[in-house]
N, C-alpha and C. Protein backbone atom coordinates (compact mmCIF):
# COMPACT_ATOMS: atom_id res chain seq x y z
N MET A 1 32.03 4.94 -8.10
CA MET A 1 30.89 4.38 -7.39
C MET A 1 29.64 5.23 -7.70
N SER A 2 28.52 4.58 -7.96
CA SER A 2 27.30 5.31 -8.28
C SER A 2 26.36 5.31 -7.09
N GLU A 3 25.47 6.27 -7.10
CA GLU A 3 24.49 6.45 -6.03
C GLU A 3 23.10 6.22 -6.60
N ARG A 4 22.18 5.78 -5.77
CA ARG A 4 20.79 5.60 -6.18
C ARG A 4 19.94 6.62 -5.43
N LEU A 5 19.05 7.27 -6.18
CA LEU A 5 18.16 8.27 -5.62
C LEU A 5 16.72 7.98 -6.01
N GLN A 6 15.80 8.40 -5.17
CA GLN A 6 14.40 8.34 -5.55
C GLN A 6 14.18 9.43 -6.59
N ALA A 7 13.34 9.14 -7.56
CA ALA A 7 13.02 10.12 -8.60
C ALA A 7 11.54 9.99 -8.93
N ARG A 8 10.99 11.06 -9.48
CA ARG A 8 9.59 11.03 -9.88
C ARG A 8 9.44 11.77 -11.19
N VAL A 9 8.59 11.23 -12.06
CA VAL A 9 8.28 11.89 -13.33
C VAL A 9 7.16 12.88 -13.06
N LEU A 10 7.45 14.16 -13.24
CA LEU A 10 6.43 15.18 -13.03
C LEU A 10 5.41 15.19 -14.15
N LEU A 11 5.92 15.28 -15.38
CA LEU A 11 5.03 15.36 -16.53
C LEU A 11 5.81 15.10 -17.80
N LEU A 12 5.08 14.89 -18.87
CA LEU A 12 5.69 14.70 -20.18
C LEU A 12 5.49 15.96 -21.00
N VAL A 13 6.56 16.37 -21.68
CA VAL A 13 6.51 17.54 -22.55
C VAL A 13 7.00 17.08 -23.91
N GLY A 14 6.07 16.80 -24.80
CA GLY A 14 6.46 16.27 -26.10
C GLY A 14 7.14 14.92 -25.94
N GLU A 15 8.37 14.82 -26.40
CA GLU A 15 9.12 13.56 -26.33
C GLU A 15 10.07 13.52 -25.15
N GLU A 16 9.89 14.45 -24.19
CA GLU A 16 10.74 14.47 -23.00
C GLU A 16 9.88 14.41 -21.75
N ALA A 17 10.49 13.86 -20.69
CA ALA A 17 9.85 13.80 -19.38
C ALA A 17 10.62 14.69 -18.42
N GLU A 18 9.91 15.37 -17.55
CA GLU A 18 10.56 16.16 -16.51
C GLU A 18 10.67 15.30 -15.26
N ILE A 19 11.90 15.13 -14.78
CA ILE A 19 12.22 14.26 -13.65
C ILE A 19 12.74 15.11 -12.50
N VAL A 20 12.29 14.80 -11.27
CA VAL A 20 12.84 15.46 -10.08
C VAL A 20 13.41 14.41 -9.15
N THR A 21 14.49 14.79 -8.47
CA THR A 21 15.11 13.96 -7.44
C THR A 21 15.29 14.85 -6.21
N PRO A 22 15.59 14.25 -5.05
CA PRO A 22 15.81 15.07 -3.85
C PRO A 22 16.95 16.08 -4.02
N HIS A 23 17.91 15.81 -4.92
CA HIS A 23 19.05 16.70 -5.10
C HIS A 23 18.87 17.71 -6.22
N SER A 24 17.78 17.62 -6.96
CA SER A 24 17.62 18.52 -8.10
C SER A 24 16.84 19.77 -7.68
N GLY A 25 17.35 20.91 -8.11
CA GLY A 25 16.62 22.16 -7.88
C GLY A 25 15.53 22.31 -8.92
N ASP A 26 15.92 22.19 -10.17
CA ASP A 26 14.99 22.26 -11.29
C ASP A 26 14.82 20.86 -11.87
N PRO A 27 13.66 20.57 -12.45
CA PRO A 27 13.48 19.26 -13.10
C PRO A 27 14.49 19.07 -14.22
N GLU A 28 14.91 17.84 -14.40
CA GLU A 28 15.78 17.48 -15.51
C GLU A 28 14.93 16.86 -16.60
N ARG A 29 15.25 17.15 -17.84
CA ARG A 29 14.51 16.57 -18.96
C ARG A 29 15.24 15.34 -19.48
N VAL A 30 14.47 14.27 -19.64
CA VAL A 30 15.00 12.98 -20.09
C VAL A 30 14.10 12.49 -21.23
N PRO A 31 14.66 11.94 -22.29
CA PRO A 31 13.83 11.43 -23.38
C PRO A 31 12.85 10.34 -22.89
N VAL A 32 11.60 10.45 -23.31
CA VAL A 32 10.56 9.48 -22.94
C VAL A 32 10.96 8.08 -23.41
N ASP A 33 11.49 7.97 -24.63
CA ASP A 33 11.89 6.65 -25.14
C ASP A 33 12.91 5.98 -24.23
N ARG A 34 13.84 6.76 -23.71
CA ARG A 34 14.85 6.21 -22.79
C ARG A 34 14.19 5.66 -21.53
N LEU A 35 13.27 6.43 -20.95
CA LEU A 35 12.59 5.98 -19.73
C LEU A 35 11.79 4.71 -19.98
N MET A 36 11.09 4.66 -21.10
CA MET A 36 10.31 3.47 -21.42
C MET A 36 11.22 2.26 -21.59
N ARG A 37 12.34 2.44 -22.27
CA ARG A 37 13.28 1.34 -22.52
C ARG A 37 13.92 0.85 -21.21
N GLU A 38 14.35 1.78 -20.36
CA GLU A 38 15.06 1.40 -19.14
C GLU A 38 14.15 0.88 -18.04
N THR A 39 12.91 1.36 -17.97
CA THR A 39 12.01 0.97 -16.88
C THR A 39 10.94 -0.03 -17.29
N GLY A 40 10.62 -0.08 -18.58
CA GLY A 40 9.53 -0.94 -19.03
C GLY A 40 8.16 -0.36 -18.76
N ILE A 41 8.11 0.90 -18.34
CA ILE A 41 6.83 1.57 -18.07
C ILE A 41 6.30 2.17 -19.37
N ALA A 42 5.02 1.93 -19.65
CA ALA A 42 4.39 2.47 -20.86
C ALA A 42 4.30 3.99 -20.79
N ARG A 43 4.35 4.63 -21.94
CA ARG A 43 4.27 6.09 -22.00
C ARG A 43 3.07 6.64 -21.23
N LYS A 44 1.92 6.01 -21.39
CA LYS A 44 0.70 6.51 -20.74
C LYS A 44 0.77 6.45 -19.22
N ASP A 45 1.70 5.66 -18.68
CA ASP A 45 1.83 5.50 -17.23
C ASP A 45 3.03 6.24 -16.64
N LEU A 46 3.79 6.95 -17.46
CA LEU A 46 5.01 7.60 -16.97
C LEU A 46 4.73 8.81 -16.08
N ALA A 47 3.80 9.67 -16.45
CA ALA A 47 3.54 10.86 -15.63
C ALA A 47 3.13 10.43 -14.22
N GLY A 48 3.88 10.91 -13.24
CA GLY A 48 3.62 10.56 -11.84
C GLY A 48 4.35 9.32 -11.36
N ALA A 49 5.03 8.60 -12.26
CA ALA A 49 5.71 7.36 -11.88
C ALA A 49 6.86 7.63 -10.92
N LYS A 50 7.01 6.75 -9.95
CA LYS A 50 8.13 6.81 -9.01
C LYS A 50 9.21 5.87 -9.53
N LEU A 51 10.43 6.40 -9.60
CA LEU A 51 11.56 5.67 -10.15
C LEU A 51 12.74 5.69 -9.19
N THR A 52 13.72 4.88 -9.50
CA THR A 52 15.03 4.98 -8.86
C THR A 52 15.99 5.45 -9.94
N ALA A 53 16.72 6.53 -9.65
CA ALA A 53 17.70 7.05 -10.59
C ALA A 53 19.09 6.63 -10.12
N VAL A 54 19.87 6.13 -11.04
CA VAL A 54 21.27 5.80 -10.75
C VAL A 54 22.10 6.99 -11.21
N VAL A 55 22.87 7.54 -10.28
CA VAL A 55 23.64 8.76 -10.53
C VAL A 55 25.13 8.42 -10.54
N SER A 56 25.83 8.89 -11.56
CA SER A 56 27.28 8.65 -11.65
C SER A 56 28.01 9.52 -10.64
N ASP A 57 29.30 9.28 -10.51
CA ASP A 57 30.13 10.06 -9.59
C ASP A 57 30.14 11.55 -9.92
N ASP A 58 29.93 11.88 -11.19
CA ASP A 58 29.92 13.30 -11.58
C ASP A 58 28.53 13.91 -11.56
N GLY A 59 27.55 13.20 -10.98
CA GLY A 59 26.21 13.75 -10.80
C GLY A 59 25.26 13.56 -11.96
N GLU A 60 25.66 12.83 -12.99
CA GLU A 60 24.81 12.61 -14.16
C GLU A 60 23.86 11.44 -13.91
N LEU A 61 22.60 11.61 -14.32
CA LEU A 61 21.62 10.53 -14.22
C LEU A 61 21.91 9.53 -15.35
N VAL A 62 22.44 8.37 -14.99
CA VAL A 62 22.90 7.43 -16.01
C VAL A 62 21.93 6.30 -16.30
N ARG A 63 21.01 6.03 -15.38
CA ARG A 63 20.05 4.95 -15.61
C ARG A 63 18.84 5.14 -14.71
N PHE A 64 17.69 4.65 -15.16
CA PHE A 64 16.47 4.69 -14.38
C PHE A 64 15.91 3.29 -14.23
N GLU A 65 15.33 3.02 -13.07
CA GLU A 65 14.71 1.72 -12.79
C GLU A 65 13.36 1.97 -12.14
N ARG A 66 12.50 0.97 -12.21
CA ARG A 66 11.23 1.06 -11.47
C ARG A 66 11.54 1.12 -9.98
N ALA A 67 10.79 1.91 -9.26
CA ALA A 67 10.99 2.02 -7.81
C ALA A 67 10.35 0.83 -7.11
């Protein structure tokens, strides 16, 4: 069973985005291309975007959706 969490893109660093969730201590880096593909949000609009993260049973962020 997977869980859904609120997530936010802090900033873009090259081809990666730093993502935070309520359960993350440090930001997680996710490829920008993946976020654009999964959410449909343009690169220029990703920084600061609010997302929903789908988390697997083992705690891995497996998918992102628009919030």
